[in-house]
Amino acid sequence: MINSPRISVQVQSVYIESQSSPDEERYVFAYTVTLRNLGRTPVQLLKRYWLITNGNGRETEVQGEGVVGVQPHIEPGGEYQYTSGAVIETPMGTMQGHYEMIDEQGKAFRVAIPVFRLAVQTLIH
């Protein structure tokens, strides 16, 4: 399966203080992903894979069908945006991974999700 430069991935994360319990080592983050189809043909997102690493280096893998319960089609020049969440045991961590997609001919390809940080805002200088 090849990586594709025709899909742009941007991620923004935010700490959700109201759902977190630092005393119980529970830090909740929301992240919003924007996928843009820079290619000339429609694509469909089939699967996702995440590698979540907490501040102590503990890794958790998450994989499954689609994102937030859907397998979106993205037209050329179009975009798809969704918000999801992650819970880690430390106030800082990272996420990275990939999406598995197909083009209109049914050819599978992979789109890398660049590493991004999960961090409580007061810890960022």
Protein backbone atom coordinates (compact mmCIF):
# COMPACT_ATOMS: atom_id res chain seq x y z
CA MET A 1 0.00 0.00 0.00
CA ILE A 2 1.48 3.35 -1.00
CA ASN A 3 1.36 6.70 0.75
CA SER A 4 -0.54 9.40 -1.09
CA PRO A 5 0.44 13.07 -1.35
CA ARG A 6 -3.01 13.97 -2.69
CA ILE A 7 -4.69 14.05 0.73
CA SER A 8 -3.84 16.84 3.17
CA VAL A 9 -4.30 16.12 6.90
CA GLN A 10 -4.45 18.88 9.52
CA VAL A 11 -5.14 18.27 13.21
CA GLN A 12 -5.88 20.60 16.12
CA SER A 13 -6.15 19.34 19.68
CA VAL A 14 -7.58 20.90 22.83
CA TYR A 15 -7.59 19.87 26.49
CA ILE A 16 -11.07 19.29 27.95
CA GLU A 17 -10.65 20.34 31.57
CA SER A 18 -14.30 19.76 32.51
CA GLN A 19 -14.05 16.03 31.68
CA SER A 20 -10.57 15.49 33.10
CA SER A 21 -9.57 14.32 36.59
CA PRO A 22 -5.85 14.98 37.13
CA ASP A 23 -6.07 13.44 40.63
CA GLU A 24 -7.15 10.19 38.95
CA GLU A 25 -4.58 10.52 36.12
CA ARG A 26 -7.31 11.10 33.55
CA TYR A 27 -6.65 13.79 30.94
CA VAL A 28 -9.26 14.21 28.20
CA PHE A 29 -8.45 15.78 24.85
CA ALA A 30 -10.56 16.55 21.80
CA TYR A 31 -8.98 16.69 18.37
CA THR A 32 -10.38 17.99 15.09
CA VAL A 33 -9.09 16.51 11.85
CA THR A 34 -9.51 18.20 8.47
CA LEU A 35 -8.91 16.02 5.40
CA ARG A 36 -8.60 17.78 2.04
CA ASN A 37 -8.66 15.96 -1.28
CA LEU A 38 -5.99 17.69 -3.40
CA GLY A 39 -6.30 15.07 -6.14
CA ARG A 40 -8.45 14.89 -9.26
CA THR A 41 -10.62 11.91 -8.30
CA PRO A 42 -12.99 11.11 -5.42
CA VAL A 43 -11.66 9.05 -2.51
CA GLN A 44 -13.20 7.18 0.41
CA LEU A 45 -11.79 6.74 3.91
CA LEU A 46 -12.20 3.11 4.99
CA LYS A 47 -10.09 2.59 8.15
CA ARG A 48 -8.06 4.45 10.73
CA TYR A 49 -5.03 3.58 12.85
CA TRP A 50 -3.80 5.63 15.81
CA LEU A 51 -0.72 5.31 17.98
CA ILE A 52 -1.30 7.26 21.21
CA THR A 53 1.72 7.81 23.46
CA ASN A 54 1.37 9.28 26.93
CA GLY A 55 4.02 11.38 28.67
CA ASN A 56 5.55 8.27 30.26
CA GLY A 57 6.06 6.64 26.87
CA ARG A 58 3.20 4.14 27.24
CA GLU A 59 1.72 3.41 23.82
CA THR A 60 -1.88 2.52 22.95
CA GLU A 61 -2.97 1.44 19.48
CA VAL A 62 -6.47 2.12 18.21
CA GLN A 63 -7.77 0.93 14.87
CA GLY A 64 -11.13 0.45 13.25
CA GLU A 65 -13.53 1.11 10.45
CA GLY A 66 -14.00 4.71 9.32
CA VAL A 67 -14.02 7.71 11.63
CA VAL A 68 -16.77 8.72 14.09
CA GLY A 69 -18.98 5.96 12.66
CA VAL A 70 -18.74 6.90 8.96
CA GLN A 71 -16.59 6.08 5.94
CA PRO A 72 -16.71 9.45 4.20
CA HIS A 73 -16.36 10.08 0.48
CA ILE A 74 -14.32 13.20 -0.32
CA GLU A 75 -14.73 14.80 -3.73
CA PRO A 76 -11.79 16.41 -5.59
CA GLY A 77 -11.16 19.82 -4.04
CA GLY A 78 -13.43 18.92 -1.13
CA GLU A 79 -12.79 18.34 2.52
CA TYR A 80 -14.14 16.33 5.43
CA GLN A 81 -13.80 17.44 9.04
CA TYR A 82 -14.59 15.57 12.23
CA THR A 83 -13.92 15.82 15.95
CA SER A 84 -13.12 12.92 18.25
CA GLY A 85 -11.35 12.43 21.56
CA ALA A 86 -8.61 10.65 23.46
CA VAL A 87 -7.98 9.99 27.13
CA ILE A 88 -4.43 9.59 28.48
CA GLU A 89 -2.94 9.24 31.97
CA THR A 90 -0.52 12.19 31.74
CA PRO A 91 -0.94 15.93 31.02
CA MET A 92 1.10 15.60 27.81
CA GLY A 93 1.29 13.03 25.04
CA THR A 94 1.23 12.56 21.29
CA MET A 95 -0.91 10.95 18.61
CA GLN A 96 -0.02 9.83 15.09
CA GLY A 97 -1.22 7.23 12.64
CA HIS A 98 -2.71 6.72 9.21
CA TYR A 99 -5.92 6.36 7.25
CA GLU A 100 -6.54 3.62 4.72
CA MET A 101 -8.44 4.92 1.71
CA ILE A 102 -9.48 3.87 -1.78
CA ASP A 103 -9.79 5.83 -5.00
CA GLU A 104 -12.67 5.54 -7.48
CA GLN A 105 -10.96 2.57 -9.20
CA GLY A 106 -10.88 0.75 -5.85
CA LYS A 107 -7.11 1.11 -5.51
CA ALA A 108 -6.08 1.20 -1.85
CA PHE A 109 -3.65 3.75 -0.48
CA ARG A 110 -2.51 5.02 2.90
CA VAL A 111 -2.49 8.60 4.19
CA ALA A 112 -0.11 9.39 7.05
CA ILE A 113 -1.39 11.41 10.00
CA PRO A 114 1.55 13.49 11.21
CA VAL A 115 2.39 13.39 14.90
CA PHE A 116 0.59 16.02 16.98
CA ARG A 117 0.71 16.92 20.64
CA LEU A 118 -1.89 16.45 23.35
CA ALA A 119 -1.05 18.93 26.10
CA VAL A 120 -2.69 20.77 28.95
CA GLN A 121 -2.41 24.45 27.90
CA THR A 122 -0.78 25.56 31.17
CA LEU A 123 2.16 23.24 30.40
CA ILE A 124 2.95 24.82 27.03
CA HIS A 125 5.39 27.72 27.18
